[in-house]
Each structure stands twice: as structure tokens, then as C-alpha cells.
């Protein structure tokens, strides 16, 4: 019997294959809902490379930097109706001066334009034809090497089974993207074998130590118990562990820089270096009279920017229990927008300054444009709703959204429709990322797509982001106000990679925590009912956006009290476009038919889920139609 996995290629073969472009390197992404499916970005900007099944994934975990071998074309999957979008040029840049600072920060220089004359234009067209052809297929691959274990190999899970004779137990992770792990029974609580039932709800922290090619299971160790599932503190700790976020005490070497004498006062030499406003009258700016900030915002938006604001929940906590007693959507006020404009301006100005000084070592932040395949899929989806969408630039997407006024006379319904469109646009966006300028060949790729600026960085929040500290050091050095910045290009890129990883991990934990607190809030309320709108229809499920909270939740038809349901496709297409739910009539009356498609308004109910700290959603039966008397 063949072993379940293949041997990895040796390092020399990998380097040779990457150099000849016969192998592909990238970060593995495993589908949360369907763990058999995994993907890696195409470095050339085409559709994702597809890794089907655990066998072809070859023991790699989510977030690992892997090397792929592309399988023969007869193993590829066909994708119908793939279209492409044409490339567009950006505006030209003017000379730098104080008077035109904003223009310079927002305009794209000629050297960054796409599709210039001569060979480059010919090569660009050939590349686009190649990408158009590739978009017709999903290229299947297999993992042949793990370059870097981006996943920490630590996780939270439950003990599920044991074999006393072999002295082994099975630890099943909460996260479906992580495989089940065999651990020694000796790691388990002393009474586990005799009283294993009492540990069925206990959360344990485990760690993968090895995974041999001849074993279907990874081997690991049980590190500790964190408490009962369904309680806030154990669940929070599990989120942090699974996402490799440190939450222990600071190490002594990290505390060395802090003052030893308390209470601490500002040294006199530091006071002498700064402007002292302690005796001045300092007051806040009334947003209604801040014309300067409004002018900046207007000028920035006139250059063409994209703003896809997603609802963000905030909770009011009970002071005694610590449980959420209230929940609503965070509202951004004029004062927030005022500060944001000056922060954006500062970040852009600093980005230009450090780039001029450290051409190949500046730490900037870029936002790639959406992948062509994803953008065209969205165009088709909007077209099916009768909504034109121009995806040629960030500004054109924003313009398309701004022009949409809704399809009804009900403002609330139109607002929900707009939320659906924004949500769909957000899905195709790439993540913004930190990078070292020397590692990116083309200056055009420095661009921040959503802000539509050629250079951008993070400078304004050094108290909460390490990237900003690095940028502060670069700026201080460039101004001659501090020590020389001595990090080499590879070190800056390493810091950028680390910051990207941690930022993504922090965002994941934030989302998990929000979902947990929202589930607790729903439980405390005994369930919530409200209006919703259909975001997406699948063959057996419906994604619904809940109006009052901006939360999107999947409703599974099999859990609704239905006579039957049937999904529908348009002729010649495989994607589901609508679904018909048939509800039992009231009091033995006739069946109620409900046809749903994207943008359909429904009544929904959110209730506590069967699993701890989760919630479920269901669509409520529509009222019985009133029959007209004859």
C-alpha cells in the first residue's frame, strides 16, 4: 500500500525549478468551509492555483509558504465564461513643491504607467492574452516543498478518542483547516482513560511536532488545558494561540528600555528639544468649521478613491458579568473623518520622503489591484442584477456604487441593497501589505489601489503598530535628526513580512472575538428577529445580510421547516441564480411559495447555535397570501 503522502523535493531541485519557472512559490490558503480545497496566488496576477485534497496538500498547513508543481493540463478544471478587463493608464505627475504637495501625493508619475510604447506594450498584450486563456481553467497543483512554516502548528481542540493499548489519543482541532493530531495518552489528564466523558467540553492547547509521509495523522503533544468550551476566557486564549499571537508577560530584555525610577518625568534635555504647549490654550476643532480637512477630502476624492466601508460591531458590557448587554454598529463621525484626512496626508508625505532617501530600503505599504478574473466575475454578477459596474479603476468602481440609487421607494431597502453591493466589491479586493521597496521591481506596483496614490506607508500610529516604528526611524534618519538607519534590504523585507503576518492574525482574532460576543449577545437576548437581504444564493443555502447589525450569515435550507426547496440556474450556466422555498401553509392552508434571489428582502431570526458561542440564522416563513374573494 502506497504511503498517503509523497516525499518532498530536495532544496537544490526546488531552487532549480523556481529559477526555470517550472515550480511556483506562494502562501497556501485553505478554505475554511471546505478544508479539502486550498489555493495559492498566481505571482503573475492570473487565477489562483488550486490544490485539491489533503493528499496533494502534502502535510502543508494554512499560511505556510509552499512550492507547487503544476499538474498536466488534462488534470485542470474547466471554468466557463471567463472574461477579461482592459488595462488602463494612470494620470501623469507634476514637479514637487509645497504648493502642489497634495497633487504630487495623489498623482501617478509617467514612469509608473502601464502599456508604454515599443516592446513593453507588445509584451504587455501578449501577457494579457496569456492571462485570458488561463482564466478558462483552474490550474491544479500539488505541494512538493514547504519553504517556511507560516502556521505556528499550535491549536485548540478537544480529545475525541484514545487507544489504551497503543498509548495514544486523538486531539481534534476546533479549526477545520488543521488536521487531527495523535498524542501520547501520557500527555492527557491522569484520569482521562477512566473518566474521559468529563473532558468532552474541555478545551486543550496542542502542538504538531511532526508529520511523516507514511502517516495519515500528524503527531504532536498536548500542552495544557485552558478551561471549558463556551466560556469567554478559554475561547479567547484559543483564538490567540491558533493565530500565533503572544499574550504573556513581556520578557526582561523588552522591559530594559523603560525608566527604572518612578514616577517618571520628562527629562529637561527632552523638553528643550520640543515646542512646549503646556502653557498655551489648546482646544479641539469643530468639524463643521474645519474647511481645511474638507478641502483635503474633496481634493482626494476628486482624484479617484475607493471606500468600501464594512459595518463594525461595538458592544456595551455588563460591568458585573462582563457579558455584552448591548450591541450596535459603529458610526464614523465628522471628527473621525477630520483626523483621518490629516493622517492620510502625513502617511503619504512620509512615504515620499523615506523613499527618496532609502530607494531600496524604504518600508512602504501597497494595495494591489483586484485580480482580473475576480473583477470580471463581479461585473457579470452585477450585470445579472441589471447594475452596470466599471472595474477599470478604483475610481470607476466607486462611481458605479455612487450612481446606484436602489430599486424601491423604501430607503431602508435601498440602503440594504447598497450594503450587498459594497460587500461583493470587498470580496474581490486584495489585502494591502507592507513591503521593502528594493524587493519590488516596478514602481507601478508600489501603488495603493484603493487610495489611488503612488506611494503610501504607515507612520501615524507607532504606539500600536511596529511598522510605524520602523518608518519613524527611517524618517528620523532621513531628516538628520537621529542615528543612521542601518538595516539592509533583506532585513527590512523580513520585518515587512512579519508585520503582514501579524496584522492578518490580529484581524482574524478580532473577527473571531466579534462573532463570539455577538453570539453571547444573541443568547442573552433570547434570539433576535429583524429584516435581512439575500447576498448570495447557493444550491442548498442562502447567505443573508442582517440589516441592523451588518452581519452576513449562511442559512441552510435543510434546517428550515419546508415542504421542499429547489435551486435554479440560468440556461447554459452552472451558477445558481435563484431558489424557491415551499413553506407549509398556515392551519392546513395551501403551500406558500417564496422565490429568492440576490437582493430579495426576507425576515430573519438569529438564535444560539448548538455549538458553544456560535449562532444560527433562519429565514422566517412569509405571511399567508390573502386570497381575493370572487
Foldseek 3Di string as FASTA:
>chain_A
DDFLEDAFDDPVVLVVCVVVVQKDKAFKAADQVDRQWIWGADPLQADTAIEGGPHLQRPAFGGFTFMKGWDPPVPWAFDPDFDFDDADWFAAADDDDPVCLLRRFQGDHPQLTQQDDDPRNVVVVVSVVVRSVPLRIRTYIGTRGTPGRRWQQKAKFAWDAADVVVQWTWTCGPRPRDFIEIEGVVLPPPCCVVPVVVRRFWIWMWGFDADDRRDPHTYTHTDGTQGGPQDQRSVLVRLCRRLVHDDDDDDPVVCVPPDPDPPDDDDPVVVVVDDDCPPPDDDDDDLVPPVVLVVLVVVLVVSAFADLDAWDKDFDADPVPRAGPDMFTDDDDSSNSSVVSVQQSVQSVLQVLLCVVVVQFAKFKAWDQFRRRLVVVLQVVCVVVVQHADRNASRRRRVSLVPDQADDPDNLLRVQLSLLNSVSVVVRTDDMFIAGNNVDDRLSRCHHRRSNGSTGHRQDCVVPAVRNVLSVQSSCQSVVNDDHDDDDNVRSRVVRVVRRSVVVSVVSSVVVSVLLSVLSNCAVVQKDKAKWFWNADAQFWTWIQGRRRRDIAIAGNVPDQFPDKGFDDDPPDDGTFKMWTWHQAPPRDDIDIDIHGGSDMFMKMKHRDPGRSHIHMHTDDDHDDDDDDD
